[in-house]
Amino acid sequence: MADPIIHPSAVVDPAAKIGEGCEIGPFCVIGPDVKLGRGVVLKSHVVIAGDTEIGDETQIFPFSSIGEVPQDRKFKGEKTRLIIGARNRIREHVTMNPGTEGGGGITRIGDDGLFLAGSHVAHDCQVGNRVTVVNHAALAGHCVVEDDVTIGGLVGVHQFVRIGRGAMIGALTMVTADVIPFGMVHGPRGQLDGLNVVGLRRRGASRDEIHALRDMLHKLGEGSFRETAREMAGAEHPDMVREVLDFILGPSDRSFLAPHS
């Protein structure tokens, strides 16, 4: 692969590690503890600071700020990290912050994500693979977002919330409680409005699997969410149903967005 191409107006600290084939456009600023993988493209006016690692072939668009200090009053300058995976597309004005000492010290982004203009990933978030965060949506600190999640425009996700695999959050929703895998949530205060059936079909889920998930959701809505899940966990279930039950019974102090009547 070719040597990096660095525009004359870019400011790149000599200690930064720049991978083969990288392209660093006009007026970018790269700090000393930054590591760029192979083929990373920074369009222009991108700031990358802190102890930040960016995976191969990720593209970052103008005026994004990646790795600057967390927006957390408790942060006192401790050494923390931001790790971004491969082949992400990070559009204009996106902000991503590293972790804090109290949150484990690392903010982590998986592979193949799409972060649209103005979106924000706060300190200590753990974001999976193939996640889409639409324009001006924001993840507060300590959120966990599993693989294949779509977060709509102008969504606000409260700190410590978990969003399960394959879920979809509709635009303009405020999410204050955990979202089960494959759930569909929308509204000013998010409600669980069934399953993300379109997403399930796109990922090849069978009709029987979708029916099993619907039956499970119906049973969960009949009583206490966690207690019903605990009772159901003792029986045999298809893998996707088992995944949802395991998620509900996993470690969390949050309540759940339950099916509404």
Protein backbone atom coordinates (compact mmCIF):
# COMPACT_ATOMS: atom_id res chain seq x y z
CA MET A 1 0.00 0.00 0.00
CA ALA A 2 1.16 3.54 -0.76
CA ASP A 3 2.66 6.03 1.66
CA PRO A 4 0.24 8.39 3.44
CA ILE A 5 -0.87 11.54 1.64
CA ILE A 6 -0.85 14.51 4.01
CA HIS A 7 -2.00 17.95 2.89
CA PRO A 8 0.56 20.71 3.57
CA SER A 9 -1.92 22.62 5.74
CA ALA A 10 -2.57 19.66 8.07
CA VAL A 11 -0.91 19.64 11.50
CA VAL A 12 0.22 16.12 12.35
CA ASP A 13 2.25 15.53 15.50
CA PRO A 14 5.46 13.65 14.68
CA ALA A 15 4.65 11.07 17.37
CA ALA A 16 1.32 10.12 15.77
CA LYS A 17 1.23 6.73 14.03
CA ILE A 18 -0.14 7.06 10.51
CA GLY A 19 -0.87 3.85 8.60
CA GLU A 20 -0.10 3.07 4.99
CA GLY A 21 -2.39 4.61 2.41
CA CYS A 22 -3.95 7.17 4.76
CA GLU A 23 -5.19 10.46 3.34
CA ILE A 24 -5.17 13.49 5.63
CA GLY A 25 -6.90 16.48 4.08
CA PRO A 26 -6.58 20.24 4.53
CA PHE A 27 -6.49 21.78 8.01
CA CYS A 28 -6.74 18.50 9.94
CA VAL A 29 -5.09 18.37 13.37
CA ILE A 30 -3.72 15.05 14.66
CA GLY A 31 -2.40 14.68 18.22
CA PRO A 32 0.66 12.74 19.43
CA ASP A 33 -1.19 9.72 20.85
CA VAL A 34 -3.31 9.07 17.76
CA LYS A 35 -2.99 5.85 15.75
CA LEU A 36 -4.57 5.62 12.28
CA GLY A 37 -4.89 2.21 10.63
CA ARG A 38 -4.37 1.48 6.94
CA GLY A 39 -6.29 3.54 4.42
CA VAL A 40 -7.97 5.91 6.88
CA VAL A 41 -9.32 9.01 5.12
CA LEU A 42 -9.76 12.35 6.90
CA LYS A 43 -11.53 14.68 4.49
CA SER A 44 -10.65 18.11 5.94
CA HIS A 45 -10.85 20.13 9.17
CA VAL A 46 -10.92 16.95 11.28
CA VAL A 47 -9.51 17.08 14.83
CA ILE A 48 -8.31 13.82 16.38
CA ALA A 49 -6.96 14.14 19.91
CA GLY A 50 -6.18 12.04 22.96
CA ASP A 51 -5.24 8.36 23.02
CA THR A 52 -7.34 7.49 19.99
CA GLU A 53 -7.09 4.49 17.68
CA ILE A 54 -8.97 4.42 14.36
CA GLY A 55 -9.33 1.19 12.39
CA ASP A 56 -8.52 0.47 8.77
CA GLU A 57 -10.43 2.22 5.97
CA THR A 58 -12.52 4.41 8.26
CA GLN A 59 -13.57 7.71 6.68
CA ILE A 60 -14.09 10.88 8.72
CA PHE A 61 -15.74 13.91 7.19
CA PRO A 62 -15.16 17.65 7.79
CA PHE A 63 -15.41 19.32 11.19
CA SER A 64 -15.62 16.14 13.24
CA SER A 65 -13.98 16.16 16.68
CA ILE A 66 -12.76 12.72 17.70
CA GLY A 67 -11.08 11.88 21.00
CA GLU A 68 -11.29 15.24 22.75
CA VAL A 69 -11.73 15.14 26.55
CA PRO A 70 -15.03 13.75 27.90
CA GLN A 71 -17.91 16.09 28.62
CA ASP A 72 -18.01 14.94 32.23
CA ARG A 73 -17.49 17.08 35.33
CA LYS A 74 -15.80 14.14 37.06
CA PHE A 75 -13.06 13.91 34.44
CA LYS A 76 -9.75 15.14 35.90
CA GLY A 77 -7.39 14.55 33.02
CA GLU A 78 -6.78 10.85 33.64
CA LYS A 79 -5.37 8.72 30.81
CA THR A 80 -8.29 7.14 28.94
CA ARG A 81 -8.87 5.87 25.40
CA LEU A 82 -11.15 5.91 22.37
CA ILE A 83 -10.99 2.87 20.08
CA ILE A 84 -12.83 2.99 16.74
CA GLY A 85 -13.02 -0.09 14.53
CA ALA A 86 -12.64 -0.59 10.80
CA ARG A 87 -14.62 0.75 7.84
CA ASN A 88 -16.69 3.23 9.81
CA ARG A 89 -18.11 6.30 8.09
CA ILE A 90 -18.15 9.28 10.44
CA ARG A 91 -19.89 12.23 8.85
CA GLU A 92 -19.68 15.99 9.38
CA HIS A 93 -19.62 17.50 12.89
CA VAL A 94 -19.67 14.15 14.70
CA THR A 95 -18.19 14.11 18.21
CA MET A 96 -16.83 11.03 19.99
CA ASN A 97 -15.19 11.16 23.42
CA PRO A 98 -12.83 8.78 25.22
CA GLY A 99 -13.69 7.03 28.47
CA THR A 100 -13.37 8.11 32.07
CA GLU A 101 -11.67 6.43 35.00
CA GLY A 102 -15.02 5.73 36.67
CA GLY A 103 -16.47 4.14 33.53
CA GLY A 104 -13.68 1.73 32.69
CA GLY A 105 -11.47 4.12 30.76
CA ILE A 106 -12.40 3.14 27.18
CA THR A 107 -15.04 4.24 24.71
CA ARG A 108 -15.25 1.59 22.01
CA ILE A 109 -16.86 1.69 18.55
CA GLY A 110 -17.14 -1.51 16.47
CA ASP A 111 -16.74 -2.04 12.74
CA ASP A 112 -18.81 -0.91 9.75
CA GLY A 113 -20.79 1.78 11.56
CA LEU A 114 -22.43 4.82 10.03
CA PHE A 115 -22.55 7.96 12.17
CA LEU A 116 -24.42 10.73 10.40
CA ALA A 117 -23.88 14.47 10.69
CA GLY A 118 -23.95 15.97 14.16
CA SER A 119 -24.31 12.70 16.08
CA HIS A 120 -22.53 12.19 19.40
CA VAL A 121 -21.01 9.23 21.24
CA ALA A 122 -20.20 10.13 24.84
CA HIS A 123 -17.61 8.78 27.26
CA ASP A 124 -17.49 5.08 28.16
CA CYS A 125 -20.02 4.00 25.53
CA GLN A 126 -19.66 0.52 24.05
CA VAL A 127 -21.03 0.47 20.51
CA GLY A 128 -21.19 -2.72 18.43
CA ASN A 129 -20.80 -3.52 14.75
CA ARG A 130 -22.94 -2.22 11.88
CA VAL A 131 -24.61 0.40 14.06
CA THR A 132 -26.28 3.38 12.38
CA VAL A 133 -26.68 6.63 14.32
CA VAL A 134 -28.70 9.16 12.33
CA ASN A 135 -28.29 12.95 12.29
CA HIS A 136 -28.01 14.72 15.65
CA ALA A 137 -28.77 11.64 17.73
CA ALA A 138 -26.79 11.45 20.98
CA LEU A 139 -25.63 8.61 23.20
CA ALA A 140 -25.01 9.74 26.77
CA GLY A 141 -22.22 8.28 28.87
CA HIS A 142 -21.90 4.54 29.63
CA CYS A 143 -24.47 3.40 27.04
CA VAL A 144 -24.20 -0.07 25.51
CA VAL A 145 -25.42 -0.42 21.93
CA GLU A 146 -25.26 -3.94 20.52
CA ASP A 147 -24.76 -4.99 16.88
CA ASP A 148 -27.09 -3.98 14.03
CA VAL A 149 -28.93 -1.24 15.93
CA THR A 150 -30.42 1.77 14.12
CA ILE A 151 -30.86 4.98 16.11
CA GLY A 152 -33.03 7.56 14.33
CA GLY A 153 -32.47 11.27 13.95
CA LEU A 154 -32.62 13.57 16.99
CA VAL A 155 -32.84 10.62 19.41
CA GLY A 156 -31.53 11.06 22.94
CA VAL A 157 -30.33 7.94 24.77
CA HIS A 158 -29.99 8.33 28.55
CA GLN A 159 -26.78 7.35 30.31
CA PHE A 160 -26.31 3.67 31.24
CA VAL A 161 -29.08 2.53 28.87
CA ARG A 162 -28.54 -0.73 26.96
CA ILE A 163 -29.96 -1.23 23.47
CA GLY A 164 -30.13 -4.86 22.36
CA ARG A 165 -29.05 -6.31 19.03
CA GLY A 166 -31.12 -5.46 15.98
CA ALA A 167 -33.33 -2.90 17.71
CA MET A 168 -34.57 0.25 16.02
CA ILE A 169 -35.17 3.59 17.73
CA GLY A 170 -37.45 5.92 15.77
CA ALA A 171 -36.65 9.58 15.25
CA LEU A 172 -37.27 12.14 18.02
CA THR A 173 -37.44 9.48 20.73
CA MET A 174 -36.04 9.92 24.23
CA VAL A 175 -34.85 6.53 25.50
CA THR A 176 -34.63 6.32 29.29
CA ALA A 177 -34.77 2.53 29.83
CA ASP A 178 -33.23 -0.59 28.31
CA VAL A 179 -34.47 -1.77 24.90
CA ILE A 180 -34.71 -5.51 24.23
CA PRO A 181 -33.02 -7.05 21.15
CA PHE A 182 -35.05 -6.67 17.94
CA GLY A 183 -37.41 -4.16 19.57
CA MET A 184 -38.97 -1.18 17.80
CA VAL A 185 -39.17 1.95 19.95
CA HIS A 186 -40.61 5.35 19.08
CA GLY A 187 -42.25 8.37 20.67
CA PRO A 188 -41.23 11.39 22.76
CA ARG A 189 -40.89 8.95 25.65
CA GLY A 190 -39.99 5.66 24.10
CA GLN A 191 -42.40 2.75 24.19
CA LEU A 192 -41.79 -0.76 22.97
CA ASP A 193 -43.99 -0.92 19.90
CA GLY A 194 -43.55 -4.50 18.81
CA LEU A 195 -40.62 -5.98 16.90
CA ASN A 196 -38.29 -4.60 14.26
CA VAL A 197 -39.81 -7.03 11.75
CA VAL A 198 -38.26 -5.38 8.69
CA GLY A 199 -34.80 -5.68 10.24
CA LEU A 200 -35.41 -9.31 11.22
CA ARG A 201 -36.45 -10.20 7.67
CA ARG A 202 -33.44 -8.44 6.20
CA ARG A 203 -31.20 -10.54 8.43
CA GLY A 204 -32.87 -13.74 7.27
CA ALA A 205 -35.08 -14.56 10.27
CA SER A 206 -37.67 -17.19 9.41
CA ARG A 207 -41.42 -16.79 9.81
CA ASP A 208 -41.34 -19.28 12.70
CA GLU A 209 -38.62 -17.27 14.47
CA ILE A 210 -40.60 -14.06 14.11
CA HIS A 211 -43.78 -15.75 15.38
CA ALA A 212 -41.85 -17.13 18.37
CA LEU A 213 -40.57 -13.64 19.18
CA ARG A 214 -44.10 -12.22 18.91
CA ASP A 215 -45.45 -14.93 21.24
CA MET A 216 -42.69 -14.17 23.73
CA LEU A 217 -43.45 -10.44 23.58
CA HIS A 218 -47.15 -11.12 24.20
CA LYS A 219 -46.36 -13.21 27.28
CA LEU A 220 -43.94 -10.62 28.60
CA GLY A 221 -46.68 -7.99 28.40
CA GLU A 222 -49.05 -10.00 30.60
CA GLY A 223 -47.20 -9.52 33.89
CA SER A 224 -44.00 -8.35 35.53
CA PHE A 225 -41.42 -8.09 32.75
CA ARG A 226 -38.43 -9.59 34.59
CA GLU A 227 -40.45 -12.15 36.55
CA THR A 228 -42.16 -13.42 33.41
CA ALA A 229 -38.80 -13.62 31.63
CA ARG A 230 -37.37 -15.57 34.58
CA GLU A 231 -40.26 -18.04 34.43
CA MET A 232 -39.89 -18.44 30.68
CA ALA A 233 -36.13 -18.94 30.91
CA GLY A 234 -36.59 -22.44 32.36
CA ALA A 235 -38.08 -23.80 29.12
CA GLU A 236 -36.62 -24.55 25.68
CA HIS A 237 -36.79 -21.67 23.20
CA PRO A 238 -35.46 -20.78 19.73
CA ASP A 239 -32.11 -18.98 19.75
CA MET A 240 -33.54 -15.50 19.15
CA VAL A 241 -36.07 -15.85 21.96
CA ARG A 242 -33.33 -17.13 24.24
CA GLU A 243 -31.20 -14.10 23.32
CA VAL A 244 -33.98 -11.71 24.36
CA LEU A 245 -34.60 -13.54 27.65
CA ASP A 246 -30.88 -13.58 28.47
CA PHE A 247 -30.74 -9.84 27.74
CA ILE A 248 -33.67 -9.12 30.07
CA LEU A 249 -32.13 -11.17 32.86
CA GLY A 250 -28.66 -9.67 32.36
CA PRO A 251 -26.96 -7.19 34.71
CA SER A 252 -28.69 -3.80 34.69
CA ASP A 253 -30.22 -1.38 37.20
CA ARG A 254 -32.54 0.04 34.53
CA SER A 255 -36.18 -0.75 34.03
CA PHE A 256 -37.33 -1.97 30.62
CA LEU A 257 -39.39 -0.53 27.83
CA ALA A 258 -42.20 -3.04 28.02
CA PRO A 259 -44.98 -3.74 25.50
CA HIS A 260 -47.76 -1.21 25.93
CA SER A 261 -51.44 -2.04 25.84
